[in-house]
Full PDB file with SEQRES, HELIX, SHEET, SSBOND, CRYST1, ORIGX, SCALE, CONECT and MASTER records, all heavy atoms in Angstrom:
SEQRES   1 A   42  HIS ASP HIS LYS ARG LYS MET ILE VAL GLU THR ALA TRP          
SEQRES   2 A   42  LYS ILE ILE GLU THR GLU GLY ILE GLU LYS ALA SER THR          
SEQRES   3 A   42  ARG ARG ILE ALA SER GLU VAL GLY MET SER THR ARG ALA          
SEQRES   4 A   42  LEU ARG HIS                                                  
HELIX    1 AA1 ASP A    2  GLU A   19  1                                  18    
HELIX    2 AA2 ILE A   21  LYS A   23  5                                   3    
HELIX    3 AA3 THR A   26  VAL A   33  1                                   8    
HELIX    4 AA4 THR A   37  ARG A   41  1                                   5    
CRYST1    1.000    1.000    1.000  90.00  90.00  90.00 P 1           1          
ORIGX1      1.000000  0.000000  0.000000        0.00000                         
ORIGX2      0.000000  1.000000  0.000000        0.00000                         
ORIGX3      0.000000  0.000000  1.000000        0.00000                         
SCALE1      1.000000  0.000000  0.000000        0.00000                         
SCALE2      0.000000  1.000000  0.000000        0.00000                         
SCALE3      0.000000  0.000000  1.000000        0.00000                         
ATOM      1  N   HIS A   1      74.194  21.741  34.689  1.00  0.00           N  
ATOM      2  CA  HIS A   1      74.573  22.441  33.459  1.00  0.00           C  
ATOM      3  C   HIS A   1      75.943  22.015  32.947  1.00  0.00           C  
ATOM      4  O   HIS A   1      76.148  21.908  31.737  1.00  0.00           O  
ATOM      5  CB  HIS A   1      74.514  23.953  33.659  1.00  0.00           C  
ATOM      6  CG  HIS A   1      73.122  24.451  33.870  1.00  0.00           C  
ATOM      7  ND1 HIS A   1      72.234  24.612  32.839  1.00  0.00           N  
ATOM      8  CD2 HIS A   1      72.459  24.806  34.994  1.00  0.00           C  
ATOM      9  CE1 HIS A   1      71.088  25.042  33.305  1.00  0.00           C  
ATOM     10  NE2 HIS A   1      71.193  25.168  34.619  1.00  0.00           N  
ATOM     11  N   ASP A   2      76.879  21.776  33.842  1.00  0.00           N  
ATOM     12  CA  ASP A   2      78.206  21.338  33.397  1.00  0.00           C  
ATOM     13  C   ASP A   2      78.132  19.976  32.715  1.00  0.00           C  
ATOM     14  O   ASP A   2      78.794  19.740  31.703  1.00  0.00           O  
ATOM     15  CB  ASP A   2      79.190  21.288  34.567  1.00  0.00           C  
ATOM     16  CG  ASP A   2      79.609  22.671  35.022  1.00  0.00           C  
ATOM     17  OD1 ASP A   2      79.567  23.616  34.201  1.00  0.00           O  
ATOM     18  OD2 ASP A   2      80.004  22.815  36.198  1.00  0.00           O  
ATOM     19  N   HIS A   3      77.316  19.088  33.263  1.00  0.00           N  
ATOM     20  CA  HIS A   3      77.161  17.766  32.656  1.00  0.00           C  
ATOM     21  C   HIS A   3      76.522  17.881  31.264  1.00  0.00           C  
ATOM     22  O   HIS A   3      76.984  17.240  30.319  1.00  0.00           O  
ATOM     23  CB  HIS A   3      76.316  16.860  33.554  1.00  0.00           C  
ATOM     24  CG  HIS A   3      76.044  15.520  32.954  1.00  0.00           C  
ATOM     25  ND1 HIS A   3      77.034  14.570  32.794  1.00  0.00           N  
ATOM     26  CD2 HIS A   3      74.908  14.976  32.435  1.00  0.00           C  
ATOM     27  CE1 HIS A   3      76.519  13.502  32.217  1.00  0.00           C  
ATOM     28  NE2 HIS A   3      75.234  13.724  31.987  1.00  0.00           N  
ATOM     29  N   LYS A   4      75.508  18.710  31.128  1.00  0.00           N  
ATOM     30  CA  LYS A   4      74.852  18.901  29.828  1.00  0.00           C  
ATOM     31  C   LYS A   4      75.828  19.501  28.823  1.00  0.00           C  
ATOM     32  O   LYS A   4      75.900  19.070  27.673  1.00  0.00           O  
ATOM     33  CB  LYS A   4      73.633  19.819  29.957  1.00  0.00           C  
ATOM     34  CG  LYS A   4      72.467  19.178  30.620  1.00  0.00           C  
ATOM     35  CD  LYS A   4      71.747  18.279  29.643  1.00  0.00           C  
ATOM     36  CE  LYS A   4      70.418  17.879  30.244  1.00  0.00           C  
ATOM     37  NZ  LYS A   4      69.669  17.005  29.403  1.00  0.00           N  
ATOM     38  N   ARG A   5      76.585  20.499  29.264  1.00  0.00           N  
ATOM     39  CA  ARG A   5      77.563  21.129  28.387  1.00  0.00           C  
ATOM     40  C   ARG A   5      78.603  20.100  27.937  1.00  0.00           C  
ATOM     41  O   ARG A   5      79.004  20.062  26.779  1.00  0.00           O  
ATOM     42  CB  ARG A   5      78.223  22.295  29.123  1.00  0.00           C  
ATOM     43  CG  ARG A   5      78.630  23.411  28.214  1.00  0.00           C  
ATOM     44  CD  ARG A   5      79.121  24.623  28.985  1.00  0.00           C  
ATOM     45  NE  ARG A   5      78.004  25.505  29.306  1.00  0.00           N  
ATOM     46  CZ  ARG A   5      77.616  25.836  30.523  1.00  0.00           C  
ATOM     47  NH1 ARG A   5      78.244  25.362  31.572  1.00  0.00           N  
ATOM     48  NH2 ARG A   5      76.608  26.645  30.732  1.00  0.00           N  
ATOM     49  N   LYS A   6      79.021  19.245  28.866  1.00  0.00           N  
ATOM     50  CA  LYS A   6      80.001  18.211  28.539  1.00  0.00           C  
ATOM     51  C   LYS A   6      79.418  17.232  27.519  1.00  0.00           C  
ATOM     52  O   LYS A   6      80.106  16.821  26.585  1.00  0.00           O  
ATOM     53  CB  LYS A   6      80.420  17.470  29.808  1.00  0.00           C  
ATOM     54  CG  LYS A   6      81.536  16.495  29.591  1.00  0.00           C  
ATOM     55  CD  LYS A   6      82.012  15.908  30.898  1.00  0.00           C  
ATOM     56  CE  LYS A   6      83.174  14.970  30.653  1.00  0.00           C  
ATOM     57  NZ  LYS A   6      83.691  14.409  31.878  1.00  0.00           N  
ATOM     58  N   MET A   7      78.155  16.877  27.668  1.00  0.00           N  
ATOM     59  CA  MET A   7      77.507  15.986  26.699  1.00  0.00           C  
ATOM     60  C   MET A   7      77.472  16.623  25.312  1.00  0.00           C  
ATOM     61  O   MET A   7      77.716  15.952  24.307  1.00  0.00           O  
ATOM     62  CB  MET A   7      76.083  15.657  27.157  1.00  0.00           C  
ATOM     63  CG  MET A   7      76.013  14.699  28.313  1.00  0.00           C  
ATOM     64  SD  MET A   7      74.321  14.447  28.940  1.00  0.00           S  
ATOM     65  CE  MET A   7      73.392  14.163  27.446  1.00  0.00           C  
ATOM     66  N   ILE A   8      77.186  17.911  25.261  1.00  0.00           N  
ATOM     67  CA  ILE A   8      77.140  18.627  23.981  1.00  0.00           C  
ATOM     68  C   ILE A   8      78.517  18.634  23.332  1.00  0.00           C  
ATOM     69  O   ILE A   8      78.663  18.345  22.141  1.00  0.00           O  
ATOM     70  CB  ILE A   8      76.617  20.068  24.179  1.00  0.00           C  
ATOM     71  CG1 ILE A   8      75.145  20.034  24.617  1.00  0.00           C  
ATOM     72  CG2 ILE A   8      76.798  20.900  22.911  1.00  0.00           C  
ATOM     73  CD1 ILE A   8      74.630  21.354  25.163  1.00  0.00           C  
ATOM     74  N   VAL A   9      79.545  18.948  24.121  1.00  0.00           N  
ATOM     75  CA  VAL A   9      80.919  18.994  23.605  1.00  0.00           C  
ATOM     76  C   VAL A   9      81.345  17.623  23.091  1.00  0.00           C  
ATOM     77  O   VAL A   9      81.895  17.498  21.990  1.00  0.00           O  
ATOM     78  CB  VAL A   9      81.897  19.488  24.700  1.00  0.00           C  
ATOM     79  CG1 VAL A   9      83.338  19.287  24.284  1.00  0.00           C  
ATOM     80  CG2 VAL A   9      81.631  20.949  25.021  1.00  0.00           C  
ATOM     81  N   GLU A  10      81.081  16.582  23.862  1.00  0.00           N  
ATOM     82  CA  GLU A  10      81.503  15.244  23.455  1.00  0.00           C  
ATOM     83  C   GLU A  10      80.744  14.764  22.215  1.00  0.00           C  
ATOM     84  O   GLU A  10      81.317  14.095  21.358  1.00  0.00           O  
ATOM     85  CB  GLU A  10      81.340  14.267  24.613  1.00  0.00           C  
ATOM     86  CG  GLU A  10      82.378  14.517  25.691  1.00  0.00           C  
ATOM     87  CD  GLU A  10      82.229  13.622  26.909  1.00  0.00           C  
ATOM     88  OE1 GLU A  10      81.215  12.898  27.011  1.00  0.00           O  
ATOM     89  OE2 GLU A  10      83.133  13.652  27.754  1.00  0.00           O  
ATOM     90  N   THR A  11      79.483  15.128  22.104  1.00  0.00           N  
ATOM     91  CA  THR A  11      78.703  14.759  20.923  1.00  0.00           C  
ATOM     92  C   THR A  11      79.227  15.496  19.697  1.00  0.00           C  
ATOM     93  O   THR A  11      79.386  14.900  18.626  1.00  0.00           O  
ATOM     94  CB  THR A  11      77.213  15.058  21.151  1.00  0.00           C  
ATOM     95  OG1 THR A  11      76.761  14.297  22.277  1.00  0.00           O  
ATOM     96  CG2 THR A  11      76.390  14.711  19.927  1.00  0.00           C  
ATOM     97  N   ALA A  12      79.491  16.789  19.853  1.00  0.00           N  
ATOM     98  CA  ALA A  12      80.040  17.573  18.739  1.00  0.00           C  
ATOM     99  C   ALA A  12      81.381  16.985  18.304  1.00  0.00           C  
ATOM    100  O   ALA A  12      81.656  16.831  17.110  1.00  0.00           O  
ATOM    101  CB  ALA A  12      80.199  19.035  19.145  1.00  0.00           C  
ATOM    102  N   TRP A  13      82.210  16.635  19.277  1.00  0.00           N  
ATOM    103  CA  TRP A  13      83.518  16.025  18.993  1.00  0.00           C  
ATOM    104  C   TRP A  13      83.344  14.758  18.171  1.00  0.00           C  
ATOM    105  O   TRP A  13      84.002  14.557  17.155  1.00  0.00           O  
ATOM    106  CB  TRP A  13      84.235  15.718  20.299  1.00  0.00           C  
ATOM    107  CG  TRP A  13      85.510  14.976  20.104  1.00  0.00           C  
ATOM    108  CD1 TRP A  13      85.676  13.625  20.094  1.00  0.00           C  
ATOM    109  CD2 TRP A  13      86.805  15.531  19.871  1.00  0.00           C  
ATOM    110  NE1 TRP A  13      86.990  13.310  19.878  1.00  0.00           N  
ATOM    111  CE2 TRP A  13      87.703  14.466  19.745  1.00  0.00           C  
ATOM    112  CE3 TRP A  13      87.284  16.837  19.769  1.00  0.00           C  
ATOM    113  CZ2 TRP A  13      89.056  14.648  19.513  1.00  0.00           C  
ATOM    114  CZ3 TRP A  13      88.631  17.015  19.549  1.00  0.00           C  
ATOM    115  CH2 TRP A  13      89.501  15.943  19.421  1.00  0.00           C  
ATOM    116  N   LYS A  14      82.430  13.894  18.601  1.00  0.00           N  
ATOM    117  CA  LYS A  14      82.211  12.616  17.924  1.00  0.00           C  
ATOM    118  C   LYS A  14      81.777  12.835  16.472  1.00  0.00           C  
ATOM    119  O   LYS A  14      82.288  12.181  15.569  1.00  0.00           O  
ATOM    120  CB  LYS A  14      81.154  11.812  18.679  1.00  0.00           C  
ATOM    121  CG  LYS A  14      80.875  10.445  18.076  1.00  0.00           C  
ATOM    122  CD  LYS A  14      79.810   9.711  18.851  1.00  0.00           C  
ATOM    123  CE  LYS A  14      78.478  10.336  18.474  1.00  0.00           C  
ATOM    124  NZ  LYS A  14      77.304   9.648  18.965  1.00  0.00           N  
ATOM    125  N   ILE A  15      80.865  13.773  16.249  1.00  0.00           N  
ATOM    126  CA  ILE A  15      80.376  14.036  14.895  1.00  0.00           C  
ATOM    127  C   ILE A  15      81.479  14.613  14.024  1.00  0.00           C  
ATOM    128  O   ILE A  15      81.690  14.175  12.885  1.00  0.00           O  
ATOM    129  CB  ILE A  15      79.150  14.972  14.923  1.00  0.00           C  
ATOM    130  CG1 ILE A  15      77.968  14.248  15.581  1.00  0.00           C  
ATOM    131  CG2 ILE A  15      78.782  15.441  13.515  1.00  0.00           C  
ATOM    132  CD1 ILE A  15      76.795  15.155  15.894  1.00  0.00           C  
ATOM    133  N   ILE A  16      82.208  15.592  14.551  1.00  0.00           N  
ATOM    134  CA  ILE A  16      83.287  16.215  13.777  1.00  0.00           C  
ATOM    135  C   ILE A  16      84.372  15.188  13.470  1.00  0.00           C  
ATOM    136  O   ILE A  16      84.894  15.132  12.360  1.00  0.00           O  
ATOM    137  CB  ILE A  16      83.859  17.440  14.511  1.00  0.00           C  
ATOM    138  CG1 ILE A  16      82.811  18.552  14.569  1.00  0.00           C  
ATOM    139  CG2 ILE A  16      85.129  17.942  13.823  1.00  0.00           C  
ATOM    140  CD1 ILE A  16      83.174  19.707  15.463  1.00  0.00           C  
ATOM    141  N   GLU A  17      84.688  14.356  14.436  1.00  0.00           N  
ATOM    142  CA  GLU A  17      85.738  13.350  14.260  1.00  0.00           C  
ATOM    143  C   GLU A  17      85.368  12.323  13.192  1.00  0.00           C  
ATOM    144  O   GLU A  17      86.202  11.938  12.375  1.00  0.00           O  
ATOM    145  CB  GLU A  17      85.994  12.643  15.590  1.00  0.00           C  
ATOM    146  CG  GLU A  17      87.082  11.600  15.542  1.00  0.00           C  
ATOM    147  CD  GLU A  17      87.312  10.969  16.891  1.00  0.00           C  
ATOM    148  OE1 GLU A  17      86.332  10.642  17.577  1.00  0.00           O  
ATOM    149  OE2 GLU A  17      88.482  10.789  17.245  1.00  0.00           O  
ATOM    150  N   THR A  18      84.122  11.883  13.186  1.00  0.00           N  
ATOM    151  CA  THR A  18      83.736  10.810  12.272  1.00  0.00           C  
ATOM    152  C   THR A  18      83.224  11.295  10.923  1.00  0.00           C  
ATOM    153  O   THR A  18      83.390  10.609   9.928  1.00  0.00           O  
ATOM    154  CB  THR A  18      82.668   9.903  12.919  1.00  0.00           C  
ATOM    155  OG1 THR A  18      81.529  10.684  13.271  1.00  0.00           O  
ATOM    156  CG2 THR A  18      83.216   9.200  14.139  1.00  0.00           C  
ATOM    157  N   GLU A  19      82.592  12.491  10.895  1.00  0.00           N  
ATOM    158  CA  GLU A  19      81.953  12.932   9.655  1.00  0.00           C  
ATOM    159  C   GLU A  19      82.397  14.298   9.152  1.00  0.00           C  
ATOM    160  O   GLU A  19      81.983  14.712   8.083  1.00  0.00           O  
ATOM    161  CB  GLU A  19      80.434  12.944   9.859  1.00  0.00           C  
ATOM    162  CG  GLU A  19      79.889  11.571  10.219  1.00  0.00           C  
ATOM    163  CD  GLU A  19      78.410  11.606  10.495  1.00  0.00           C  
ATOM    164  OE1 GLU A  19      77.684  12.319   9.771  1.00  0.00           O  
ATOM    165  OE2 GLU A  19      77.984  10.931  11.443  1.00  0.00           O  
ATOM    166  N   GLY A  20      83.173  15.020   9.943  1.00  0.00           N  
ATOM    167  CA  GLY A  20      83.649  16.331   9.523  1.00  0.00           C  
ATOM    168  C   GLY A  20      82.814  17.458  10.113  1.00  0.00           C  
ATOM    169  O   GLY A  20      81.663  17.267  10.497  1.00  0.00           O  
ATOM    170  N   ILE A  21      83.415  18.640  10.169  1.00  0.00           N  
ATOM    171  CA  ILE A  21      82.773  19.791  10.803  1.00  0.00           C  
ATOM    172  C   ILE A  21      81.500  20.212  10.072  1.00  0.00           C  
ATOM    173  O   ILE A  21      80.564  20.716  10.681  1.00  0.00           O  
ATOM    174  CB  ILE A  21      83.758  20.981  10.942  1.00  0.00           C  
ATOM    175  CG1 ILE A  21      83.178  22.024  11.897  1.00  0.00           C  
ATOM    176  CG2 ILE A  21      84.116  21.558   9.588  1.00  0.00           C  
ATOM    177  CD1 ILE A  21      84.167  23.045  12.375  1.00  0.00           C  
ATOM    178  N   GLU A  22      81.434  19.965   8.766  1.00  0.00           N  
ATOM    179  CA  GLU A  22      80.251  20.371   8.009  1.00  0.00           C  
ATOM    180  C   GLU A  22      78.993  19.601   8.420  1.00  0.00           C  
ATOM    181  O   GLU A  22      77.879  20.049   8.175  1.00  0.00           O  
ATOM    182  CB  GLU A  22      80.481  20.249   6.500  1.00  0.00           C  
ATOM    183  CG  GLU A  22      80.829  18.863   6.023  1.00  0.00           C  
ATOM    184  CD  GLU A  22      82.293  18.482   6.184  1.00  0.00           C  
ATOM    185  OE1 GLU A  22      83.123  19.338   6.522  1.00  0.00           O  
ATOM    186  OE2 GLU A  22      82.591  17.299   5.986  1.00  0.00           O  
ATOM    187  N   LYS A  23      79.146  18.467   9.066  1.00  0.00           N  
ATOM    188  CA  LYS A  23      77.999  17.671   9.526  1.00  0.00           C  
ATOM    189  C   LYS A  23      77.585  18.011  10.958  1.00  0.00           C  
ATOM    190  O   LYS A  23      76.591  17.503  11.458  1.00  0.00           O  
ATOM    191  CB  LYS A  23      78.316  16.177   9.451  1.00  0.00           C  
ATOM    192  CG  LYS A  23      78.593  15.688   8.064  1.00  0.00           C  
ATOM    193  CD  LYS A  23      77.343  15.694   7.234  1.00  0.00           C  
ATOM    194  CE  LYS A  23      77.629  15.096   5.870  1.00  0.00           C  
ATOM    195  NZ  LYS A  23      76.500  15.047   5.014  1.00  0.00           N  
ATOM    196  N   ALA A  24      78.324  18.885  11.624  1.00  0.00           N  
ATOM    197  CA  ALA A  24      78.061  19.216  13.031  1.00  0.00           C  
ATOM    198  C   ALA A  24      77.087  20.389  13.142  1.00  0.00           C  
ATOM    199  O   ALA A  24      77.395  21.410  13.727  1.00  0.00           O  
ATOM    200  CB  ALA A  24      79.368  19.522  13.750  1.00  0.00           C  
ATOM    201  N   SER A  25      75.907  20.208  12.612  1.00  0.00           N  
ATOM    202  CA  SER A  25      74.900  21.271  12.695  1.00  0.00           C  
ATOM    203  C   SER A  25      74.279  21.302  14.090  1.00  0.00           C  
ATOM    204  O   SER A  25      74.319  20.316  14.829  1.00  0.00           O  
ATOM    205  CB  SER A  25      73.797  21.035  11.660  1.00  0.00           C  
ATOM    206  OG  SER A  25      73.037  19.885  12.007  1.00  0.00           O  
ATOM    207  N   THR A  26      73.696  22.430  14.415  1.00  0.00           N  
ATOM    208  CA  THR A  26      73.021  22.568  15.706  1.00  0.00           C  
ATOM    209  C   THR A  26      71.919  21.523  15.836  1.00  0.00           C  
ATOM    210  O   THR A  26      71.792  20.870  16.865  1.00  0.00           O  
ATOM    211  CB  THR A  26      72.410  23.981  15.833  1.00  0.00           C  
ATOM    212  OG1 THR A  26      73.441  24.943  15.635  1.00  0.00           O  
ATOM    213  CG2 THR A  26      71.776  24.197  17.184  1.00  0.00           C  
ATOM    214  N   ARG A  27      71.150  21.337  14.794  1.00  0.00           N  
ATOM    215  CA  ARG A  27      70.045  20.364  14.809  1.00  0.00           C  
ATOM    216  C   ARG A  27      70.568  18.944  15.040  1.00  0.00           C  
ATOM    217  O   ARG A  27      70.016  18.174  15.819  1.00  0.00           O  
ATOM    218  CB  ARG A  27      69.275  20.442  13.500  1.00  0.00           C  
ATOM    219  CG  ARG A  27      68.089  19.506  13.449  1.00  0.00           C  
ATOM    220  CD  ARG A  27      67.255  19.722  12.207  1.00  0.00           C  
ATOM    221  NE  ARG A  27      66.545  20.993  12.338  1.00  0.00           N  
ATOM    222  CZ  ARG A  27      66.423  21.899  11.382  1.00  0.00           C  
ATOM    223  NH1 ARG A  27      66.941  21.687  10.202  1.00  0.00           N  
ATOM    224  NH2 ARG A  27      65.780  23.022  11.584  1.00  0.00           N  
ATOM    225  N   ARG A  28      71.643  18.589  14.365  1.00  0.00           N  
ATOM    226  CA  ARG A  28      72.206  17.235  14.488  1.00  0.00           C  
ATOM    227  C   ARG A  28      72.738  16.985  15.890  1.00  0.00           C  
ATOM    228  O   ARG A  28      72.480  15.944  16.495  1.00  0.00           O  
ATOM    229  CB  ARG A  28      73.312  17.068  13.447  1.00  0.00           C  
ATOM    230  CG  ARG A  28      74.134  15.814  13.572  1.00  0.00           C  
ATOM    231  CD  ARG A  28      73.417  14.616  12.966  1.00  0.00           C  
ATOM    232  NE  ARG A  28      74.142  13.394  13.193  1.00  0.00           N  
ATOM    233  CZ  ARG A  28      75.170  12.981  12.472  1.00  0.00           C  
ATOM    234  NH1 ARG A  28      75.610  13.692  11.452  1.00  0.00           N  
ATOM    235  NH2 ARG A  28      75.764  11.847  12.763  1.00  0.00           N  
ATOM    236  N   ILE A  29      73.492  17.926  16.425  1.00  0.00           N  
ATOM    237  CA  ILE A  29      74.058  17.765  17.767  1.00  0.00           C  
ATOM    238  C   ILE A  29      72.952  17.702  18.800  1.00  0.00           C  
ATOM    239  O   ILE A  29      72.952  16.832  19.676  1.00  0.00           O  
ATOM    240  CB  ILE A  29      75.077  18.878  18.068  1.00  0.00           C  
ATOM    241  CG1 ILE A  29      76.300  18.719  17.165  1.00  0.00           C  
ATOM    242  CG2 ILE A  29      75.492  18.856  19.540  1.00  0.00           C  
ATOM    243  CD1 ILE A  29      77.246  19.876  17.172  1.00  0.00           C  
ATOM    244  N   ALA A  30      71.991  18.606  18.706  1.00  0.00           N  
ATOM    245  CA  ALA A  30      70.869  18.607  19.652  1.00  0.00           C  
ATOM    246  C   ALA A  30      70.122  17.286  19.614  1.00  0.00           C  
ATOM    247  O   ALA A  30      69.787  16.712  20.661  1.00  0.00           O  
ATOM    248  CB  ALA A  30      69.921  19.755  19.342  1.00  0.00           C  
ATOM    249  N   SER A  31      69.894  16.775  18.434  1.00  0.00           N  
ATOM    250  CA  SER A  31      69.176  15.511  18.275  1.00  0.00           C  
ATOM    251  C   SER A  31      69.929  14.359  18.945  1.00  0.00           C  
ATOM    252  O   SER A  31      69.343  13.546  19.658  1.00  0.00           O  
ATOM    253  CB  SER A  31      68.977  15.216  16.790  1.00  0.00           C  
ATOM    254  OG  SER A  31      68.431  13.947  16.608  1.00  0.00           O  
ATOM    255  N   GLU A  32      71.229  14.304  18.728  1.00  0.00           N  
ATOM    256  CA  GLU A  32      72.021  13.216  19.305  1.00  0.00           C  
ATOM    257  C   GLU A  32      72.160  13.328  20.814  1.00  0.00           C  
ATOM    258  O   GLU A  32      72.312  12.326  21.503  1.00  0.00           O  
ATOM    259  CB  GLU A  32      73.381  13.143  18.628  1.00  0.00           C  
ATOM    260  CG  GLU A  32      73.238  12.722  17.185  1.00  0.00           C  
ATOM    261  CD  GLU A  32      74.399  11.920  16.663  1.00  0.00           C  
ATOM    262  OE1 GLU A  32      75.237  11.457  17.455  1.00  0.00           O  
ATOM    263  OE2 GLU A  32      74.446  11.762  15.437  1.00  0.00           O  
ATOM    264  N   VAL A  33      72.121  14.549  21.343  1.00  0.00           N  
ATOM    265  CA  VAL A  33      72.180  14.746  22.790  1.00  0.00           C  
ATOM    266  C   VAL A  33      70.822  14.465  23.427  1.00  0.00           C  
ATOM    267  O   VAL A  33      70.722  14.148  24.595  1.00  0.00           O  
ATOM    268  CB  VAL A  33      72.662  16.180  23.131  1.00  0.00           C  
ATOM    269  CG1 VAL A  33      72.567  16.481  24.605  1.00  0.00           C  
ATOM    270  CG2 VAL A  33      74.092  16.372  22.681  1.00  0.00           C  
ATOM    271  N   GLY A  34      69.769  14.583  22.606  1.00  0.00           N  
ATOM    272  CA  GLY A  34      68.421  14.326  23.105  1.00  0.00           C  
ATOM    273  C   GLY A  34      67.724  15.575  23.613  1.00  0.00           C  
ATOM    274  O   GLY A  34      66.970  15.534  24.586  1.00  0.00           O  
ATOM    275  N   MET A  35      67.973  16.689  22.942  1.00  0.00           N  
ATOM    276  CA  MET A  35      67.322  17.945  23.322  1.00  0.00           C  
ATOM    277  C   MET A  35      66.957  18.719  22.060  1.00  0.00           C  
ATOM    278  O   MET A  35      67.413  18.388  20.983  1.00  0.00           O  
ATOM    279  CB  MET A  35      68.229  18.776  24.243  1.00  0.00           C  
ATOM    280  CG  MET A  35      69.538  19.220  23.634  1.00  0.00           C  
ATOM    281  SD  MET A  35      70.568  20.298  24.666  1.00  0.00           S  
ATOM    282  CE  MET A  35      70.865  19.334  26.100  1.00  0.00           C  
ATOM    283  N   SER A  36      66.149  19.736  22.235  1.00  0.00           N  
ATOM    284  CA  SER A  36      65.788  20.591  21.107  1.00  0.00           C  
ATOM    285  C   SER A  36      66.925  21.562  20.813  1.00  0.00           C  
ATOM    286  O   SER A  36      67.801  21.788  21.659  1.00  0.00           O  
ATOM    287  CB  SER A  36      64.514  21.372  21.425  1.00  0.00           C  
ATOM    288  OG  SER A  36      64.774  22.320  22.441  1.00  0.00           O  
ATOM    289  N   THR A  37      66.898  22.162  19.630  1.00  0.00           N  
ATOM    290  CA  THR A  37      67.929  23.156  19.306  1.00  0.00           C  
ATOM    291  C   THR A  37      67.819  24.360  20.233  1.00  0.00           C  
ATOM    292  O   THR A  37      68.824  24.951  20.613  1.00  0.00           O  
ATOM    293  CB  THR A  37      67.826  23.618  17.837  1.00  0.00           C  
ATOM    294  OG1 THR A  37      66.513  24.092  17.583  1.00  0.00           O  
ATOM    295  CG2 THR A  37      68.157  22.491  16.889  1.00  0.00           C  
ATOM    296  N   ARG A  38      66.615  24.696  20.609  1.00  0.00           N  
ATOM    297  CA  ARG A  38      66.420  25.822  21.538  1.00  0.00           C  
ATOM    298  C   ARG A  38      67.045  25.513  22.900  1.00  0.00           C  
ATOM    299  O   ARG A  38      67.689  26.368  23.502  1.00  0.00           O  
ATOM    300  CB  ARG A  38      64.936  26.111  21.686  1.00  0.00           C  
ATOM    301  CG  ARG A  38      64.662  27.326  22.504  1.00  0.00           C  
ATOM    302  CD  ARG A  38      63.206  27.655  22.490  1.00  0.00           C  
ATOM    303  NE  ARG A  38      62.991  28.869  23.251  1.00  0.00           N  
ATOM    304  CZ  ARG A  38      61.843  29.461  23.362  1.00  0.00           C  
ATOM    305  NH1 ARG A  38      60.779  28.985  22.768  1.00  0.00           N  
ATOM    306  NH2 ARG A  38      61.732  30.555  24.076  1.00  0.00           N  
ATOM    307  N   ALA A  39      66.864  24.297  23.380  1.00  0.00           N  
ATOM    308  CA  ALA A  39      67.461  23.905  24.658  1.00  0.00           C  
ATOM    309  C   ALA A  39      68.987  23.899  24.564  1.00  0.00           C  
ATOM    310  O   ALA A  39      69.675  24.343  25.483  1.00  0.00           O  
ATOM    311  CB  ALA A  39      66.949  22.534  25.083  1.00  0.00           C  
ATOM    312  N   LEU A  40      69.516  23.438  23.435  1.00  0.00           N  
ATOM    313  CA  LEU A  40      70.972  23.416  23.254  1.00  0.00           C  
ATOM    314  C   LEU A  40      71.540  24.832  23.327  1.00  0.00           C  
ATOM    315  O   LEU A  40      72.546  25.069  23.981  1.00  0.00           O  
ATOM    316  CB  LEU A  40      71.323  22.768  21.919  1.00  0.00           C  
ATOM    317  CG  LEU A  40      72.809  22.578  21.661  1.00  0.00           C  
ATOM    318  CD1 LEU A  40      73.053  21.238  20.997  1.00  0.00           C  
ATOM    319  CD2 LEU A  40      73.364  23.686  20.813  1.00  0.00           C  
ATOM    320  N   ARG A  41      70.856  25.773  22.688  1.00  0.00           N  
ATOM    321  CA  ARG A  41      71.343  27.166  22.685  1.00  0.00           C  
ATOM    322  C   ARG A  41      71.343  27.786  24.081  1.00  0.00           C  
ATOM    323  O   ARG A  41      72.067  28.736  24.333  1.00  0.00           O  
ATOM    324  CB  ARG A  41      70.502  28.005  21.730  1.00  0.00           C  
ATOM    325  CG  ARG A  41      70.792  27.684  20.288  1.00  0.00           C  
ATOM    326  CD  ARG A  41      70.100  28.658  19.349  1.00  0.00           C  
ATOM    327  NE  ARG A  41      70.106  28.125  18.010  1.00  0.00           N  
ATOM    328  CZ  ARG A  41      69.023  27.780  17.342  1.00  0.00           C  
ATOM    329  NH1 ARG A  41      67.833  27.938  17.873  1.00  0.00           N  
ATOM    330  NH2 ARG A  41      69.118  27.305  16.127  1.00  0.00           N  
ATOM    331  N   HIS A  42      70.550  27.241  24.971  1.00  0.00           N  
ATOM    332  CA  HIS A  42      70.498  27.731  26.351  1.00  0.00           C  
ATOM    333  C   HIS A  42      71.856  27.616  27.048  1.00  0.00           C  
ATOM    334  O   HIS A  42      72.171  28.396  27.935  1.00  0.00           O  
ATOM    335  CB  HIS A  42      69.434  26.956  27.125  1.00  0.00           C  
ATOM    336  CG  HIS A  42      69.431  27.227  28.590  1.00  0.00           C  
ATOM    337  ND1 HIS A  42      68.918  28.390  29.118  1.00  0.00           N  
ATOM    338  CD2 HIS A  42      69.891  26.498  29.642  1.00  0.00           C  
ATOM    339  CE1 HIS A  42      69.065  28.362  30.431  1.00  0.00           C  
ATOM    340  NE2 HIS A  42      69.638  27.230  30.768  1.00  0.00           N  
TER     341      HIS A  42                                                      
MASTER        0    0    0    4    0    0    0    6  340    1    0    4          
END                                                                             
């Protein structure tokens, strides 16, 4: 779980850094991490 959480944080960071916070949707982050939005919310 810590590794998955770290992947989510780093992916969110990358999106916010390159495209802005408005592009950091749950769907976008989940997609880039390789999981569903439901799994991300877990």
